[in-house]
PDB file of N, CA and C in Angstrom:
ATOM      1  N   MET A   1      46.814-135.168  21.496  1.00  0.00           N
ATOM      2  CA  MET A   1      46.145-134.762  22.714  1.00  0.00           C
ATOM      3  C   MET A   1      47.206-134.562  23.773  1.00  0.00           C
ATOM      4  N   ASN A   2      47.072-133.492  24.548  1.00  0.00           N
ATOM      5  CA  ASN A   2      48.086-133.272  25.559  1.00  0.00           C
ATOM      6  C   ASN A   2      47.889-134.223  26.734  1.00  0.00           C
ATOM      7  N   SER A   3      48.894-134.334  27.579  1.00  0.00           N
ATOM      8  CA  SER A   3      48.934-135.394  28.582  1.00  0.00           C
ATOM      9  C   SER A   3      47.843-135.303  29.638  1.00  0.00           C
ATOM     10  N   ASN A   4      47.338-134.119  29.935  1.00  0.00           N
ATOM     11  CA  ASN A   4      46.309-134.030  30.964  1.00  0.00           C
ATOM     12  C   ASN A   4      44.893-134.002  30.394  1.00  0.00           C
ATOM     13  N   ASN A   5      44.725-134.306  29.107  1.00  0.00           N
ATOM     14  CA  ASN A   5      43.420-134.373  28.448  1.00  0.00           C
ATOM     15  C   ASN A   5      42.626-133.079  28.581  1.00  0.00           C
ATOM     16  N   TYR A   6      43.315-131.964  28.620  1.00  0.00           N
ATOM     17  CA  TYR A   6      42.658-130.672  28.748  1.00  0.00           C
ATOM     18  C   TYR A   6      43.212-129.729  27.701  1.00  0.00           C
ATOM     19  N   PHE A   7      42.310-129.068  27.008  1.00  0.00           N
ATOM     20  CA  PHE A   7      42.719-128.131  25.980  1.00  0.00           C
ATOM     21  C   PHE A   7      42.523-126.727  26.519  1.00  0.00           C
ATOM     22  N   LYS A   8      43.584-125.956  26.565  1.00  0.00           N
ATOM     23  CA  LYS A   8      43.508-124.607  27.121  1.00  0.00           C
ATOM     24  C   LYS A   8      42.934-123.613  26.129  1.00  0.00           C
ATOM     25  N   ASN A   9      43.171-123.830  24.844  1.00  0.00           N
ATOM     26  CA  ASN A   9      42.576-122.979  23.820  1.00  0.00           C
ATOM     27  C   ASN A   9      42.450-123.769  22.526  1.00  0.00           C
ATOM     28  N   LEU A  10      41.776-123.180  21.565  1.00  0.00           N
ATOM     29  CA  LEU A  10      41.466-123.907  20.334  1.00  0.00           C
ATOM     30  C   LEU A  10      42.706-124.320  19.554  1.00  0.00           C
ATOM     31  N   SER A  11      43.781-123.583  19.678  1.00  0.00           N
ATOM     32  CA  SER A  11      44.998-123.947  18.959  1.00  0.00           C
ATOM     33  C   SER A  11      45.635-125.217  19.521  1.00  0.00           C
ATOM     34  N   ASP A  12      45.239-125.639  20.723  1.00  0.00           N
ATOM     35  CA  ASP A  12      45.730-126.890  21.309  1.00  0.00           C
ATOM     36  C   ASP A  12      45.045-128.119  20.717  1.00  0.00           C
ATOM     37  N   LEU A  13      43.938-127.912  20.027  1.00  0.00           N
ATOM     38  CA  LEU A  13      43.191-129.051  19.483  1.00  0.00           C
ATOM     39  C   LEU A  13      43.945-129.697  18.331  1.00  0.00           C
ATOM     40  N   PRO A  14      43.878-131.033  18.237  1.00  0.00           N
ATOM     41  CA  PRO A  14      44.476-131.692  17.070  1.00  0.00           C
ATOM     42  C   PRO A  14      43.664-131.393  15.814  1.00  0.00           C
ATOM     43  N   LEU A  15      44.221-131.706  14.657  1.00  0.00           N
ATOM     44  CA  LEU A  15      43.533-131.416  13.390  1.00  0.00           C
ATOM     45  C   LEU A  15      42.221-132.178  13.238  1.00  0.00           C
ATOM     46  N   THR A  16      42.162-133.384  13.794  1.00  0.00           N
ATOM     47  CA  THR A  16      40.920-134.147  13.807  1.00  0.00           C
ATOM     48  C   THR A  16      40.597-134.521  15.243  1.00  0.00           C
ATOM     49  N   LEU A  17      39.316-134.584  15.529  1.00  0.00           N
ATOM     50  CA  LEU A  17      38.843-134.910  16.871  1.00  0.00           C
ATOM     51  C   LEU A  17      38.017-136.183  16.828  1.00  0.00           C
ATOM     52  N   ASN A  18      38.212-137.034  17.829  1.00  0.00           N
ATOM     53  CA  ASN A  18      37.416-138.255  17.926  1.00  0.00           C
ATOM     54  C   ASN A  18      36.340-138.074  19.004  1.00  0.00           C
ATOM     55  N   ALA A  19      35.552-139.102  19.237  1.00  0.00           N
ATOM     56  CA  ALA A  19      34.440-139.010  20.187  1.00  0.00           C
ATOM     57  C   ALA A  19      34.918-138.692  21.597  1.00  0.00           C
ATOM     58  N   THR A  20      36.017-139.272  22.020  1.00  0.00           N
ATOM     59  CA  THR A  20      36.535-139.011  23.359  1.00  0.00           C
ATOM     60  C   THR A  20      36.910-137.541  23.518  1.00  0.00           C
ATOM     61  N   GLN A  21      37.583-136.998  22.535  1.00  0.00           N
ATOM     62  CA  GLN A  21      37.988-135.594  22.592  1.00  0.00           C
ATOM     63  C   GLN A  21      36.779-134.668  22.552  1.00  0.00           C
ATOM     64  N   ILE A  22      35.813-134.975  21.707  1.00  0.00           N
ATOM     65  CA  ILE A  22      34.596-134.164  21.631  1.00  0.00           C
ATOM     66  C   ILE A  22      33.863-134.197  22.965  1.00  0.00           C
ATOM     67  N   SER A  23      33.805-135.369  23.586  1.00  0.00           N
ATOM     68  CA  SER A  23      33.117-135.471  24.872  1.00  0.00           C
ATOM     69  C   SER A  23      33.820-134.629  25.936  1.00  0.00           C
ATOM     70  N   GLN A  24      35.147-134.598  25.910  1.00  0.00           N
ATOM     71  CA  GLN A  24      35.899-133.787  26.870  1.00  0.00           C
ATOM     72  C   GLN A  24      35.682-132.301  26.635  1.00  0.00           C
ATOM     73  N   ILE A  25      35.687-131.885  25.394  1.00  0.00           N
ATOM     74  CA  ILE A  25      35.544-130.468  25.060  1.00  0.00           C
ATOM     75  C   ILE A  25      34.148-129.962  25.412  1.00  0.00           C
ATOM     76  N   LEU A  26      33.130-130.745  25.079  1.00  0.00           N
ATOM     77  CA  LEU A  26      31.754-130.303  25.270  1.00  0.00           C
ATOM     78  C   LEU A  26      31.156-130.736  26.602  1.00  0.00           C
ATOM     79  N   GLY A  27      31.881-131.556  27.358  1.00  0.00           N
ATOM     80  CA  GLY A  27      31.358-132.028  28.638  1.00  0.00           C
ATOM     81  C   GLY A  27      30.243-133.040  28.479  1.00  0.00           C
ATOM     82  N   LEU A  28      30.344-133.854  27.435  1.00  0.00           N
ATOM     83  CA  LEU A  28      29.355-134.898  27.153  1.00  0.00           C
ATOM     84  C   LEU A  28      29.912-136.259  27.544  1.00  0.00           C
ATOM     85  N   SER A  29      29.032-137.232  27.630  1.00  0.00           N
ATOM     86  CA  SER A  29      29.496-138.614  27.750  1.00  0.00           C
ATOM     87  C   SER A  29      30.017-139.048  26.389  1.00  0.00           C
ATOM     88  N   ARG A  30      30.767-140.146  26.343  1.00  0.00           N
ATOM     89  CA  ARG A  30      31.215-140.655  25.040  1.00  0.00           C
ATOM     90  C   ARG A  30      30.026-141.048  24.184  1.00  0.00           C
ATOM     91  N   ALA A  31      28.994-141.606  24.818  1.00  0.00           N
ATOM     92  CA  ALA A  31      27.789-141.981  24.064  1.00  0.00           C
ATOM     93  C   ALA A  31      27.142-140.736  23.455  1.00  0.00           C
ATOM     94  N   GLY A  32      27.118-139.642  24.204  1.00  0.00           N
ATOM     95  CA  GLY A  32      26.579-138.387  23.692  1.00  0.00           C
ATOM     96  C   GLY A  32      27.391-137.864  22.524  1.00  0.00           C
ATOM     97  N   ALA A  33      28.720-138.006  22.616  1.00  0.00           N
ATOM     98  CA  ALA A  33      29.589-137.575  21.517  1.00  0.00           C
ATOM     99  C   ALA A  33      29.345-138.432  20.276  1.00  0.00           C
ATOM    100  N   TYR A  34      29.162-139.745  20.465  1.00  0.00           N
ATOM    101  CA  TYR A  34      28.868-140.606  19.311  1.00  0.00           C
ATOM    102  C   TYR A  34      27.504-140.255  18.708  1.00  0.00           C
ATOM    103  N   ASN A  35      26.544-139.909  19.549  1.00  0.00           N
ATOM    104  CA  ASN A  35      25.240-139.474  19.020  1.00  0.00           C
ATOM    105  C   ASN A  35      25.411-138.213  18.184  1.00  0.00           C
ATOM    106  N   LEU A  36      26.219-137.289  18.667  1.00  0.00           N
ATOM    107  CA  LEU A  36      26.488-136.068  17.923  1.00  0.00           C
ATOM    108  C   LEU A  36      27.177-136.385  16.599  1.00  0.00           C
ATOM    109  N   LEU A  37      28.174-137.266  16.637  1.00  0.00           N
ATOM    110  CA  LEU A  37      28.884-137.656  15.411  1.00  0.00           C
ATOM    111  C   LEU A  37      27.959-138.336  14.403  1.00  0.00           C
ATOM    112  N   GLY A  38      26.879-138.922  14.886  1.00  0.00           N
ATOM    113  CA  GLY A  38      25.930-139.590  14.001  1.00  0.00           C
ATOM    114  C   GLY A  38      24.778-138.708  13.559  1.00  0.00           C
ATOM    115  N   SER A  39      24.726-137.482  14.073  1.00  0.00           N
ATOM    116  CA  SER A  39      23.605-136.612  13.729  1.00  0.00           C
ATOM    117  C   SER A  39      23.786-135.988  12.345  1.00  0.00           C
ATOM    118  N   LYS A  40      22.679-135.670  11.741  1.00  0.00           N
ATOM    119  CA  LYS A  40      22.652-135.206  10.355  1.00  0.00           C
ATOM    120  C   LYS A  40      23.399-133.891  10.147  1.00  0.00           C
ATOM    121  N   ASN A  41      23.301-132.964  11.086  1.00  0.00           N
ATOM    122  CA  ASN A  41      23.861-131.627  10.894  1.00  0.00           C
ATOM    123  C   ASN A  41      25.261-131.454  11.461  1.00  0.00           C
ATOM    124  N   PHE A  42      25.886-132.532  11.895  1.00  0.00           N
ATOM    125  CA  PHE A  42      27.237-132.449  12.445  1.00  0.00           C
ATOM    126  C   PHE A  42      28.238-132.843  11.361  1.00  0.00           C
ATOM    127  N   PRO A  43      29.348-132.106  11.221  1.00  0.00           N
ATOM    128  CA  PRO A  43      30.295-132.333  10.108  1.00  0.00           C
ATOM    129  C   PRO A  43      31.229-133.534  10.320  1.00  0.00           C
ATOM    130  N   THR A  44      30.633-134.714  10.358  1.00  0.00           N
ATOM    131  CA  THR A  44      31.394-135.934  10.625  1.00  0.00           C
ATOM    132  C   THR A  44      32.171-136.381   9.389  1.00  0.00           C
ATOM    133  N   LEU A  45      33.393-136.774   9.629  1.00  0.00           N
ATOM    134  CA  LEU A  45      34.270-137.339   8.608  1.00  0.00           C
ATOM    135  C   LEU A  45      34.410-138.818   8.932  1.00  0.00           C
ATOM    136  N   ARG A  46      34.042-139.662   7.989  1.00  0.00           N
ATOM    137  CA  ARG A  46      34.153-141.098   8.220  1.00  0.00           C
ATOM    138  C   ARG A  46      35.405-141.615   7.522  1.00  0.00           C
ATOM    139  N   VAL A  47      36.250-142.283   8.303  1.00  0.00           N
ATOM    140  CA  VAL A  47      37.470-142.887   7.783  1.00  0.00           C
ATOM    141  C   VAL A  47      37.399-144.357   8.181  1.00  0.00           C
ATOM    142  N   GLY A  48      37.002-145.190   7.240  1.00  0.00           N
ATOM    143  CA  GLY A  48      36.734-146.586   7.584  1.00  0.00           C
ATOM    144  C   GLY A  48      35.577-146.618   8.564  1.00  0.00           C
ATOM    145  N   LYS A  49      35.784-147.264   9.703  1.00  0.00           N
ATOM    146  CA  LYS A  49      34.753-147.316  10.736  1.00  0.00           C
ATOM    147  C   LYS A  49      34.849-146.165  11.724  1.00  0.00           C
ATOM    148  N   ARG A  50      35.914-145.390  11.619  1.00  0.00           N
ATOM    149  CA  ARG A  50      36.118-144.277  12.553  1.00  0.00           C
ATOM    150  C   ARG A  50      35.261-143.080  12.171  1.00  0.00           C
ATOM    151  N   LYS A  51      34.786-142.382  13.181  1.00  0.00           N
ATOM    152  CA  LYS A  51      34.053-141.140  12.992  1.00  0.00           C
ATOM    153  C   LYS A  51      34.875-140.036  13.635  1.00  0.00           C
ATOM    154  N   LEU A  52      35.223-139.050  12.830  1.00  0.00           N
ATOM    155  CA  LEU A  52      36.043-137.931  13.275  1.00  0.00           C
ATOM    156  C   LEU A  52      35.397-136.637  12.816  1.00  0.00           C
ATOM    157  N   VAL A  53      35.912-135.530  13.318  1.00  0.00           N
ATOM    158  CA  VAL A  53      35.510-134.224  12.811  1.00  0.00           C
ATOM    159  C   VAL A  53      36.772-133.383  12.695  1.00  0.00           C
ATOM    160  N   LEU A  54      36.888-132.660  11.600  1.00  0.00           N
ATOM    161  CA  LEU A  54      38.021-131.762  11.425  1.00  0.00           C
ATOM    162  C   LEU A  54      37.902-130.607  12.420  1.00  0.00           C
ATOM    163  N   ARG A  55      39.003-130.205  13.018  1.00  0.00           N
ATOM    164  CA  ARG A  55      39.011-129.137  14.018  1.00  0.00           C
ATOM    165  C   ARG A  55      38.288-127.887  13.513  1.00  0.00           C
ATOM    166  N   ASP A  56      38.618-127.434  12.304  1.00  0.00           N
ATOM    167  CA  ASP A  56      38.025-126.203  11.782  1.00  0.00           C
ATOM    168  C   ASP A  56      36.516-126.336  11.591  1.00  0.00           C
ATOM    169  N   LYS A  57      36.056-127.504  11.153  1.00  0.00           N
ATOM    170  CA  LYS A  57      34.621-127.745  10.977  1.00  0.00           C
ATOM    171  C   LYS A  57      33.919-127.806  12.329  1.00  0.00           C
ATOM    172  N   PHE A  58      34.597-128.368  13.334  1.00  0.00           N
ATOM    173  CA  PHE A  58      34.052-128.437  14.683  1.00  0.00           C
ATOM    174  C   PHE A  58      33.878-127.028  15.255  1.00  0.00           C
ATOM    175  N   ILE A  59      34.888-126.195  15.103  1.00  0.00           N
ATOM    176  CA  ILE A  59      34.815-124.812  15.594  1.00  0.00           C
ATOM    177  C   ILE A  59      33.700-124.055  14.877  1.00  0.00           C
ATOM    178  N   GLU A  60      33.617-124.243  13.565  1.00  0.00           N
ATOM    179  CA  GLU A  60      32.554-123.606  12.783  1.00  0.00           C
ATOM    180  C   GLU A  60      31.178-124.068  13.256  1.00  0.00           C
ATOM    181  N   TRP A  61      31.043-125.380  13.521  1.00  0.00           N
ATOM    182  CA  TRP A  61      29.782-125.927  14.015  1.00  0.00           C
ATOM    183  C   TRP A  61      29.422-125.315  15.367  1.00  0.00           C
ATOM    184  N   MET A  62      30.415-125.175  16.264  1.00  0.00           N
ATOM    185  CA  MET A  62      30.148-124.578  17.573  1.00  0.00           C
ATOM    186  C   MET A  62      29.665-123.140  17.409  1.00  0.00           C
ATOM    187  N   GLU A  63      30.311-122.381  16.539  1.00  0.00           N
ATOM    188  CA  GLU A  63      29.917-120.986  16.317  1.00  0.00           C
ATOM    189  C   GLU A  63      28.505-120.903  15.736  1.00  0.00           C
ATOM    190  N   ASP A  64      28.209-121.751  14.749  1.00  0.00           N
ATOM    191  CA  ASP A  64      26.893-121.745  14.112  1.00  0.00           C
ATOM    192  C   ASP A  64      25.782-122.145  15.077  1.00  0.00           C
ATOM    193  N   ASN A  65      26.092-123.027  16.017  1.00  0.00           N
ATOM    194  CA  ASN A  65      25.068-123.551  16.902  1.00  0.00           C
ATOM    195  C   ASN A  65      24.997-122.848  18.253  1.00  0.00           C
ATOM    196  N   SER A  66      25.925-121.960  18.522  1.00  0.00           N
ATOM    197  CA  SER A  66      25.879-121.252  19.792  1.00  0.00           C
ATOM    198  C   SER A  66      25.540-119.781  19.622  1.00  0.00           C
ATOM    199  N   GLY A  67      25.722-119.265  18.414  1.00  0.00           N
ATOM    200  CA  GLY A  67      25.498-117.851  18.180  1.00  0.00           C
ATOM    201  C   GLY A  67      26.593-116.976  18.749  1.00  0.00           C
ATOM    202  N   VAL A  68      27.711-117.612  19.158  1.00  0.00           N
ATOM    203  CA  VAL A  68      28.830-116.903  19.758  1.00  0.00           C
ATOM    204  C   VAL A  68      30.084-117.245  18.963  1.00  0.00           C
ATOM    205  N   ALA A  69      30.908-116.245  18.665  1.00  0.00           N
ATOM    206  CA  ALA A  69      32.183-116.508  18.002  1.00  0.00           C
ATOM    207  C   ALA A  69      33.113-117.186  19.006  1.00  0.00           C
ATOM    208  N   VAL A  70      33.683-118.297  18.588  1.00  0.00           N
ATOM    209  CA  VAL A  70      34.559-119.069  19.483  1.00  0.00           C
ATOM    210  C   VAL A  70      35.991-118.662  19.289  1.00  0.00           C
TER     211      VAL A  70
END
């Protein structure tokens, strides 16, 4: 994550995103991001107790759910 917690474009995103990063990107609270990570149709990757999403799957999910190419 870059130092100012702001991503200027999709190539700035790390390979995996956590709840804090998802909340920043989508403008959600952390609780909202965790709800999203726990939802059935979201491409969550579980690593131990951590919930992450792969950058490419996140972008694909945004495109599928917005109807707009990101």
